[in-house]
Amino acid sequence: MENDLIALCKYGKPRIAKMPDGWMCSVDMHVAAKGTSFEVKSDFNCITPSAAVEQVMQRIEDTLKMYGVCDLKALT
């Protein structure tokens, strides 16, 4: 999981937290447009910290593909 959290740093500021019903992860994304913010969150009830991180990674990938950023390695 440590490597996954470090990998999320290329997209922004990752966080992981224990919630009452499980784990959650979020990333404040790097955004180039002035006055714009973008955050990606997992569900608040993930069974493990790793599951929360994996869910955020998938959501980031899905969102970037939706906006036409197909080569995720280009962001690094």
N, C-alpha and C. Protein backbone atom coordinates (compact mmCIF):
# COMPACT_ATOMS: atom_id res chain seq x y z
N MET A 1 0.82 -1.19 0.00
CA MET A 1 0.00 0.00 0.00
C MET A 1 0.87 1.26 0.00
N GLU A 2 2.02 1.19 0.64
CA GLU A 2 2.91 2.35 0.68
C GLU A 2 3.27 2.81 -0.73
N ASN A 3 3.60 1.86 -1.60
CA ASN A 3 3.95 2.20 -2.98
C ASN A 3 2.77 2.83 -3.71
N ASP A 4 1.55 2.33 -3.45
CA ASP A 4 0.37 2.90 -4.08
C ASP A 4 0.13 4.34 -3.62
N LEU A 5 0.30 4.60 -2.34
CA LEU A 5 0.14 5.97 -1.84
C LEU A 5 1.18 6.91 -2.44
N ILE A 6 2.40 6.42 -2.55
CA ILE A 6 3.45 7.22 -3.18
C ILE A 6 3.10 7.48 -4.65
N ALA A 7 2.57 6.46 -5.33
CA ALA A 7 2.17 6.62 -6.73
C ALA A 7 1.06 7.67 -6.87
N LEU A 8 0.15 7.73 -5.90
CA LEU A 8 -0.92 8.72 -5.96
C LEU A 8 -0.40 10.15 -5.85
N CYS A 9 0.79 10.32 -5.29
CA CYS A 9 1.37 11.66 -5.15
C CYS A 9 1.59 12.34 -6.50
N LYS A 10 1.74 11.57 -7.57
CA LYS A 10 1.94 12.19 -8.88
C LYS A 10 0.67 12.89 -9.36
N TYR A 11 -0.48 12.54 -8.78
CA TYR A 11 -1.75 13.16 -9.14
C TYR A 11 -2.13 14.29 -8.19
N GLY A 12 -1.56 14.29 -6.99
CA GLY A 12 -1.93 15.32 -6.02
C GLY A 12 -1.57 14.91 -4.61
N LYS A 13 -2.39 15.33 -3.66
CA LYS A 13 -2.14 15.11 -2.24
C LYS A 13 -3.07 13.99 -1.73
N PRO A 14 -2.53 12.77 -1.55
CA PRO A 14 -3.37 11.68 -1.07
C PRO A 14 -3.53 11.70 0.45
N ARG A 15 -4.70 11.19 0.88
CA ARG A 15 -4.97 11.03 2.32
C ARG A 15 -5.70 9.72 2.52
N ILE A 16 -5.48 9.12 3.67
CA ILE A 16 -6.22 7.91 4.05
C ILE A 16 -6.71 8.12 5.47
N ALA A 17 -7.95 7.67 5.73
CA ALA A 17 -8.52 7.90 7.06
C ALA A 17 -9.41 6.72 7.46
N LYS A 18 -9.46 6.48 8.75
CA LYS A 18 -10.37 5.47 9.33
C LYS A 18 -11.68 6.17 9.64
N MET A 19 -12.74 5.66 9.05
CA MET A 19 -14.07 6.20 9.27
C MET A 19 -14.82 5.26 10.23
N PRO A 20 -15.99 5.65 10.74
CA PRO A 20 -16.73 4.78 11.66
C PRO A 20 -17.04 3.39 11.08
N ASP A 21 -17.31 3.32 9.76
CA ASP A 21 -17.69 2.04 9.17
C ASP A 21 -16.63 1.43 8.26
N GLY A 22 -15.44 1.98 8.24
CA GLY A 22 -14.38 1.43 7.39
C GLY A 22 -13.33 2.48 7.08
N TRP A 23 -12.67 2.31 5.95
CA TRP A 23 -11.59 3.18 5.52
C TRP A 23 -12.00 3.99 4.31
N MET A 24 -11.36 5.16 4.15
CA MET A 24 -11.57 5.97 2.96
C MET A 24 -10.24 6.59 2.56
N CYS A 25 -10.14 6.89 1.28
CA CYS A 25 -8.95 7.53 0.73
C CYS A 25 -9.44 8.67 -0.16
N SER A 26 -8.67 9.74 -0.23
CA SER A 26 -8.99 10.83 -1.13
C SER A 26 -7.70 11.44 -1.65
N VAL A 27 -7.81 12.08 -2.79
CA VAL A 27 -6.66 12.77 -3.39
C VAL A 27 -7.13 14.15 -3.86
N ASP A 28 -6.49 15.19 -3.33
CA ASP A 28 -6.69 16.54 -3.86
C ASP A 28 -5.81 16.61 -5.11
N MET A 29 -6.45 16.63 -6.26
CA MET A 29 -5.74 16.53 -7.54
C MET A 29 -5.02 17.83 -7.88
N HIS A 30 -3.87 17.70 -8.57
CA HIS A 30 -3.19 18.86 -9.15
C HIS A 30 -4.03 19.35 -10.31
N VAL A 31 -4.36 20.63 -10.32
CA VAL A 31 -5.15 21.21 -11.41
C VAL A 31 -4.46 22.49 -11.86
N ALA A 32 -4.28 22.61 -13.18
CA ALA A 32 -3.55 23.75 -13.72
C ALA A 32 -4.40 25.01 -13.83
N ALA A 33 -5.71 24.86 -13.90
CA ALA A 33 -6.58 26.02 -14.10
C ALA A 33 -6.74 26.81 -12.81
N LYS A 34 -6.55 28.11 -12.89
CA LYS A 34 -6.66 28.99 -11.73
C LYS A 34 -8.09 28.95 -11.17
N GLY A 35 -8.19 28.82 -9.86
CA GLY A 35 -9.49 28.81 -9.19
C GLY A 35 -10.24 27.50 -9.31
N THR A 36 -9.56 26.45 -9.74
CA THR A 36 -10.21 25.16 -9.93
C THR A 36 -9.63 24.15 -8.95
N SER A 37 -10.50 23.33 -8.37
CA SER A 37 -10.04 22.24 -7.52
C SER A 37 -10.75 20.96 -7.96
N PHE A 38 -10.13 19.85 -7.65
CA PHE A 38 -10.64 18.56 -8.08
C PHE A 38 -10.22 17.54 -7.04
N GLU A 39 -11.18 16.81 -6.49
CA GLU A 39 -10.89 15.81 -5.46
C GLU A 39 -11.52 14.49 -5.87
N VAL A 40 -10.79 13.42 -5.66
CA VAL A 40 -11.29 12.08 -5.92
C VAL A 40 -11.32 11.35 -4.59
N LYS A 41 -12.48 10.73 -4.27
CA LYS A 41 -12.64 10.02 -3.00
C LYS A 41 -13.10 8.59 -3.23
N SER A 42 -12.70 7.73 -2.31
CA SER A 42 -13.25 6.38 -2.28
C SER A 42 -14.57 6.43 -1.51
N ASP A 43 -15.24 5.29 -1.43
CA ASP A 43 -16.37 5.18 -0.53
C ASP A 43 -15.86 5.31 0.90
N PHE A 44 -16.74 5.57 1.84
CA PHE A 44 -16.33 5.77 3.23
C PHE A 44 -16.31 4.47 4.04
N ASN A 45 -16.66 3.35 3.40
CA ASN A 45 -16.76 2.11 4.14
C ASN A 45 -15.93 0.98 3.54
N CYS A 46 -14.78 1.30 2.99
CA CYS A 46 -13.90 0.27 2.43
C CYS A 46 -13.40 -0.63 3.56
N ILE A 47 -13.30 -1.91 3.28
CA ILE A 47 -12.94 -2.89 4.31
C ILE A 47 -11.51 -2.70 4.81
N THR A 48 -10.59 -2.36 3.91
CA THR A 48 -9.19 -2.18 4.28
C THR A 48 -8.66 -0.87 3.71
N PRO A 49 -7.56 -0.36 4.26
CA PRO A 49 -6.93 0.83 3.67
C PRO A 49 -6.53 0.58 2.21
N SER A 50 -6.03 -0.61 1.92
CA SER A 50 -5.63 -0.94 0.55
C SER A 50 -6.81 -0.89 -0.41
N ALA A 51 -7.96 -1.36 0.02
CA ALA A 51 -9.16 -1.33 -0.83
C ALA A 51 -9.55 0.11 -1.13
N ALA A 52 -9.43 0.99 -0.16
CA ALA A 52 -9.76 2.40 -0.36
C ALA A 52 -8.80 3.03 -1.36
N VAL A 53 -7.51 2.74 -1.23
CA VAL A 53 -6.51 3.29 -2.15
C VAL A 53 -6.74 2.76 -3.56
N GLU A 54 -7.01 1.47 -3.69
CA GLU A 54 -7.25 0.88 -5.00
C GLU A 54 -8.48 1.51 -5.67
N GLN A 55 -9.52 1.78 -4.88
CA GLN A 55 -10.72 2.38 -5.43
C GLN A 55 -10.44 3.78 -5.96
N VAL A 56 -9.65 4.56 -5.23
CA VAL A 56 -9.30 5.90 -5.68
C VAL A 56 -8.45 5.83 -6.95
N MET A 57 -7.51 4.91 -6.98
CA MET A 57 -6.67 4.78 -8.17
C MET A 57 -7.53 4.46 -9.40
N GLN A 58 -8.51 3.58 -9.23
CA GLN A 58 -9.39 3.23 -10.34
C GLN A 58 -10.25 4.41 -10.75
N ARG A 59 -10.75 5.16 -9.78
CA ARG A 59 -11.58 6.32 -10.09
C ARG A 59 -10.79 7.41 -10.80
N ILE A 60 -9.53 7.60 -10.41
CA ILE A 60 -8.68 8.57 -11.09
C ILE A 60 -8.46 8.14 -12.54
N GLU A 61 -8.13 6.88 -12.72
CA GLU A 61 -7.90 6.37 -14.08
C GLU A 61 -9.16 6.51 -14.93
N ASP A 62 -10.31 6.12 -14.38
CA ASP A 62 -11.57 6.24 -15.13
C ASP A 62 -11.88 7.69 -15.50
N THR A 63 -11.65 8.60 -14.57
CA THR A 63 -11.94 10.01 -14.81
C THR A 63 -11.01 10.59 -15.87
N LEU A 64 -9.74 10.27 -15.78
CA LEU A 64 -8.79 10.78 -16.76
C LEU A 64 -9.11 10.25 -18.16
N LYS A 65 -9.51 9.00 -18.24
CA LYS A 65 -9.91 8.45 -19.54
C LYS A 65 -11.15 9.16 -20.07
N MET A 66 -12.10 9.46 -19.18
CA MET A 66 -13.32 10.15 -19.58
C MET A 66 -13.01 11.52 -20.19
N TYR A 67 -11.97 12.18 -19.69
CA TYR A 67 -11.60 13.50 -20.19
C TYR A 67 -10.52 13.44 -21.27
N GLY A 68 -10.28 12.24 -21.78
CA GLY A 68 -9.38 12.09 -22.91
C GLY A 68 -7.91 12.00 -22.59
N VAL A 69 -7.58 11.81 -21.33
CA VAL A 69 -6.18 11.63 -20.95
C VAL A 69 -5.94 10.12 -20.88
N CYS A 70 -5.60 9.55 -22.03
CA CYS A 70 -5.48 8.10 -22.12
C CYS A 70 -4.11 7.60 -21.66
N ASP A 71 -3.08 8.39 -21.86
CA ASP A 71 -1.72 7.98 -21.48
C ASP A 71 -1.43 8.51 -20.09
N LEU A 72 -1.73 7.71 -19.07
CA LEU A 72 -1.55 8.16 -17.69
C LEU A 72 -0.09 8.39 -17.35
N LYS A 73 0.83 7.73 -18.05
CA LYS A 73 2.25 7.93 -17.78
C LYS A 73 2.70 9.31 -18.21
N ALA A 74 1.95 9.95 -19.09
CA ALA A 74 2.29 11.30 -19.54
C ALA A 74 2.15 12.32 -18.41
N LEU A 75 1.40 11.98 -17.37
CA LEU A 75 1.19 12.90 -16.25
C LEU A 75 2.35 12.93 -15.28
N THR A 76 3.25 11.96 -15.37
CA THR A 76 4.35 11.91 -14.41
C THR A 76 5.51 12.75 -14.84
